[in-house]
Amino acid sequence: MKKLTLDYLKGIVDALYYSQIELLGSEIEEEKEFDMNAFLLGNDFEIHLTSIVGFKDSKIESDDHIPVKSSQIIYIKQDTKVNKIIKDVITEMEVIYNQPIPEMVEV
């Protein structure tokens, strides 16, 4: 098996990000500000998936509402099979896709 590299993992992440319509049926709503990136962690890797799940009031009345973000981290060992990485990322993308549009939340 070929050794997993950060560049290769970033390519997988980019391909999945730009395949939302094919994978999920449509894109994750723009209001959720969905993003995902791959990072090196020592000898292993992480994929961070972030999105906005709501907004809270700013302490200053004239300021915009403050986004409440959700972050999911997938930890990946160098010997992890690519198909497992893809399956895990798609599963997390589906969770974000199925969340409601962000609204005001009580804190």
C-alpha atoms as a PDB file:
ATOM      1  CA  MET A   1       0.000   0.000   0.000  1.00  0.00           C
ATOM      2  CA  LYS A   2       1.241   3.462  -0.909  1.00  0.00           C
ATOM      3  CA  LYS A   3       2.086   5.728   2.035  1.00  0.00           C
ATOM      4  CA  LEU A   4      -0.536   8.395   2.677  1.00  0.00           C
ATOM      5  CA  THR A   5       0.780  11.943   2.278  1.00  0.00           C
ATOM      6  CA  LEU A   6      -0.711  15.292   3.220  1.00  0.00           C
ATOM      7  CA  ASP A   7      -0.901  16.379  -0.425  1.00  0.00           C
ATOM      8  CA  TYR A   8      -2.733  13.192  -1.368  1.00  0.00           C
ATOM      9  CA  LEU A   9      -5.146  13.609   1.559  1.00  0.00           C
ATOM     10  CA  LYS A  10      -5.772  17.258   0.626  1.00  0.00           C
ATOM     11  CA  GLY A  11      -6.611  16.050  -2.891  1.00  0.00           C
ATOM     12  CA  ILE A  12      -9.187  13.625  -1.477  1.00  0.00           C
ATOM     13  CA  VAL A  13     -10.687  16.371   0.700  1.00  0.00           C
ATOM     14  CA  ASP A  14     -10.889  18.799  -2.245  1.00  0.00           C
ATOM     15  CA  ALA A  15     -12.476  16.159  -4.496  1.00  0.00           C
ATOM     16  CA  LEU A  16     -15.122  15.384  -1.874  1.00  0.00           C
ATOM     17  CA  TYR A  17     -15.793  19.074  -1.190  1.00  0.00           C
ATOM     18  CA  TYR A  18     -16.370  19.790  -4.876  1.00  0.00           C
ATOM     19  CA  SER A  19     -18.517  16.650  -5.315  1.00  0.00           C
ATOM     20  CA  GLN A  20     -21.264  17.704  -2.894  1.00  0.00           C
ATOM     21  CA  ILE A  21     -24.010  17.648  -5.527  1.00  0.00           C
ATOM     22  CA  GLU A  22     -23.085  14.126  -6.651  1.00  0.00           C
ATOM     23  CA  LEU A  23     -22.630  12.831  -3.091  1.00  0.00           C
ATOM     24  CA  LEU A  24     -25.444  14.612  -1.237  1.00  0.00           C
ATOM     25  CA  GLY A  25     -27.946  15.543  -3.942  1.00  0.00           C
ATOM     26  CA  SER A  26     -27.171  19.273  -3.637  1.00  0.00           C
ATOM     27  CA  GLU A  27     -24.600  21.556  -2.077  1.00  0.00           C
ATOM     28  CA  ILE A  28     -24.474  22.249   1.640  1.00  0.00           C
ATOM     29  CA  GLU A  29     -26.252  25.576   2.144  1.00  0.00           C
ATOM     30  CA  GLU A  30     -24.072  28.669   1.883  1.00  0.00           C
ATOM     31  CA  GLU A  31     -25.426  29.965   5.216  1.00  0.00           C
ATOM     32  CA  LYS A  32     -23.680  27.074   6.988  1.00  0.00           C
ATOM     33  CA  GLU A  33     -20.269  28.286   5.714  1.00  0.00           C
ATOM     34  CA  PHE A  34     -19.138  24.676   5.387  1.00  0.00           C
ATOM     35  CA  ASP A  35     -15.416  24.087   5.040  1.00  0.00           C
ATOM     36  CA  MET A  36     -13.024  21.187   5.415  1.00  0.00           C
ATOM     37  CA  ASN A  37      -9.256  20.887   5.398  1.00  0.00           C
ATOM     38  CA  ALA A  38      -6.579  18.274   5.990  1.00  0.00           C
ATOM     39  CA  PHE A  39      -3.684  18.766   8.406  1.00  0.00           C
ATOM     40  CA  LEU A  40      -0.543  16.911   9.420  1.00  0.00           C
ATOM     41  CA  LEU A  41      -0.503  15.853  13.071  1.00  0.00           C
ATOM     42  CA  GLY A  42       2.902  14.416  13.965  1.00  0.00           C
ATOM     43  CA  ASN A  43       3.140  11.317  11.761  1.00  0.00           C
ATOM     44  CA  ASP A  44      -0.618  11.115  11.241  1.00  0.00           C
ATOM     45  CA  PHE A  45      -3.369  13.383   9.896  1.00  0.00           C
ATOM     46  CA  GLU A  46      -6.585  15.191  10.774  1.00  0.00           C
ATOM     47  CA  ILE A  47      -9.476  16.331   8.629  1.00  0.00           C
ATOM     48  CA  HIS A  48     -11.395  19.274  10.109  1.00  0.00           C
ATOM     49  CA  LEU A  49     -14.991  19.848   8.992  1.00  0.00           C
ATOM     50  CA  THR A  50     -16.521  23.119  10.187  1.00  0.00           C
ATOM     51  CA  SER A  51     -19.906  24.751   9.767  1.00  0.00           C
ATOM     52  CA  ILE A  52     -22.146  27.334  11.393  1.00  0.00           C
ATOM     53  CA  VAL A  53     -25.023  25.825  13.377  1.00  0.00           C
ATOM     54  CA  GLY A  54     -26.557  29.057  14.673  1.00  0.00           C
ATOM     55  CA  PHE A  55     -26.012  32.619  15.808  1.00  0.00           C
ATOM     56  CA  LYS A  56     -25.981  34.285  19.214  1.00  0.00           C
ATOM     57  CA  ASP A  57     -26.520  37.921  20.093  1.00  0.00           C
ATOM     58  CA  SER A  58     -23.497  40.147  20.260  1.00  0.00           C
ATOM     59  CA  LYS A  59     -22.809  41.874  23.584  1.00  0.00           C
ATOM     60  CA  ILE A  60     -22.681  45.145  21.663  1.00  0.00           C
ATOM     61  CA  GLU A  61     -26.103  45.901  20.229  1.00  0.00           C
ATOM     62  CA  SER A  62     -24.767  47.503  17.033  1.00  0.00           C
ATOM     63  CA  ASP A  63     -22.617  44.461  16.134  1.00  0.00           C
ATOM     64  CA  ASP A  64     -23.703  41.600  13.942  1.00  0.00           C
ATOM     65  CA  HIS A  65     -24.760  38.324  15.482  1.00  0.00           C
ATOM     66  CA  ILE A  66     -21.906  36.015  16.450  1.00  0.00           C
ATOM     67  CA  PRO A  67     -21.788  32.686  14.591  1.00  0.00           C
ATOM     68  CA  VAL A  68     -21.855  29.482  16.629  1.00  0.00           C
ATOM     69  CA  LYS A  69     -19.594  27.016  14.852  1.00  0.00           C
ATOM     70  CA  SER A  70     -19.497  23.255  14.901  1.00  0.00           C
ATOM     71  CA  SER A  71     -16.226  21.459  14.300  1.00  0.00           C
ATOM     72  CA  GLN A  72     -15.750  17.773  13.635  1.00  0.00           C
ATOM     73  CA  ILE A  73     -12.247  16.288  13.505  1.00  0.00           C
ATOM     74  CA  ILE A  74     -11.483  12.967  11.866  1.00  0.00           C
ATOM     75  CA  TYR A  75      -8.173  11.473  13.000  1.00  0.00           C
ATOM     76  CA  ILE A  76      -6.336   9.428  10.369  1.00  0.00           C
ATOM     77  CA  LYS A  77      -3.386   7.071  10.769  1.00  0.00           C
ATOM     78  CA  GLN A  78      -0.924   6.786   7.879  1.00  0.00           C
ATOM     79  CA  ASP A  79      -1.992   3.192   7.197  1.00  0.00           C
ATOM     80  CA  THR A  80      -5.731   4.009   6.982  1.00  0.00           C
ATOM     81  CA  LYS A  81      -7.327   2.770   3.769  1.00  0.00           C
ATOM     82  CA  VAL A  82      -8.473   5.491   1.389  1.00  0.00           C
ATOM     83  CA  ASN A  83     -11.981   4.049   1.064  1.00  0.00           C
ATOM     84  CA  LYS A  84     -12.441   4.326   4.866  1.00  0.00           C
ATOM     85  CA  ILE A  85     -11.297   7.960   4.787  1.00  0.00           C
ATOM     86  CA  ILE A  86     -13.771   8.725   1.997  1.00  0.00           C
ATOM     87  CA  LYS A  87     -16.617   6.929   3.808  1.00  0.00           C
ATOM     88  CA  ASP A  88     -15.923   8.757   7.093  1.00  0.00           C
ATOM     89  CA  VAL A  89     -15.763  12.190   5.434  1.00  0.00           C
ATOM     90  CA  ILE A  90     -18.975  11.611   3.448  1.00  0.00           C
ATOM     91  CA  THR A  91     -20.738  10.508   6.640  1.00  0.00           C
ATOM     92  CA  GLU A  92     -19.759  13.755   8.378  1.00  0.00           C
ATOM     93  CA  MET A  93     -20.729  15.798   5.315  1.00  0.00           C
ATOM     94  CA  GLU A  94     -24.179  14.157   5.423  1.00  0.00           C
ATOM     95  CA  VAL A  95     -24.575  15.154   9.082  1.00  0.00           C
ATOM     96  CA  ILE A  96     -23.808  18.795   8.211  1.00  0.00           C
ATOM     97  CA  TYR A  97     -26.032  18.660   5.113  1.00  0.00           C
ATOM     98  CA  ASN A  98     -28.981  17.409   7.195  1.00  0.00           C
ATOM     99  CA  GLN A  99     -28.652  20.100   9.878  1.00  0.00           C
ATOM    100  CA  PRO A 100     -31.205  22.933   9.689  1.00  0.00           C
ATOM    101  CA  ILE A 101     -30.267  26.357   8.353  1.00  0.00           C
ATOM    102  CA  PRO A 102     -28.485  28.332  11.131  1.00  0.00           C
ATOM    103  CA  GLU A 103     -30.789  30.465  13.312  1.00  0.00           C
ATOM    104  CA  MET A 104     -30.501  32.438  16.531  1.00  0.00           C
ATOM    105  CA  VAL A 105     -29.723  30.241  19.527  1.00  0.00           C
ATOM    106  CA  GLU A 106     -30.142  30.894  23.232  1.00  0.00           C
ATOM    107  CA  VAL A 107     -26.835  30.786  25.072  1.00  0.00           C
END
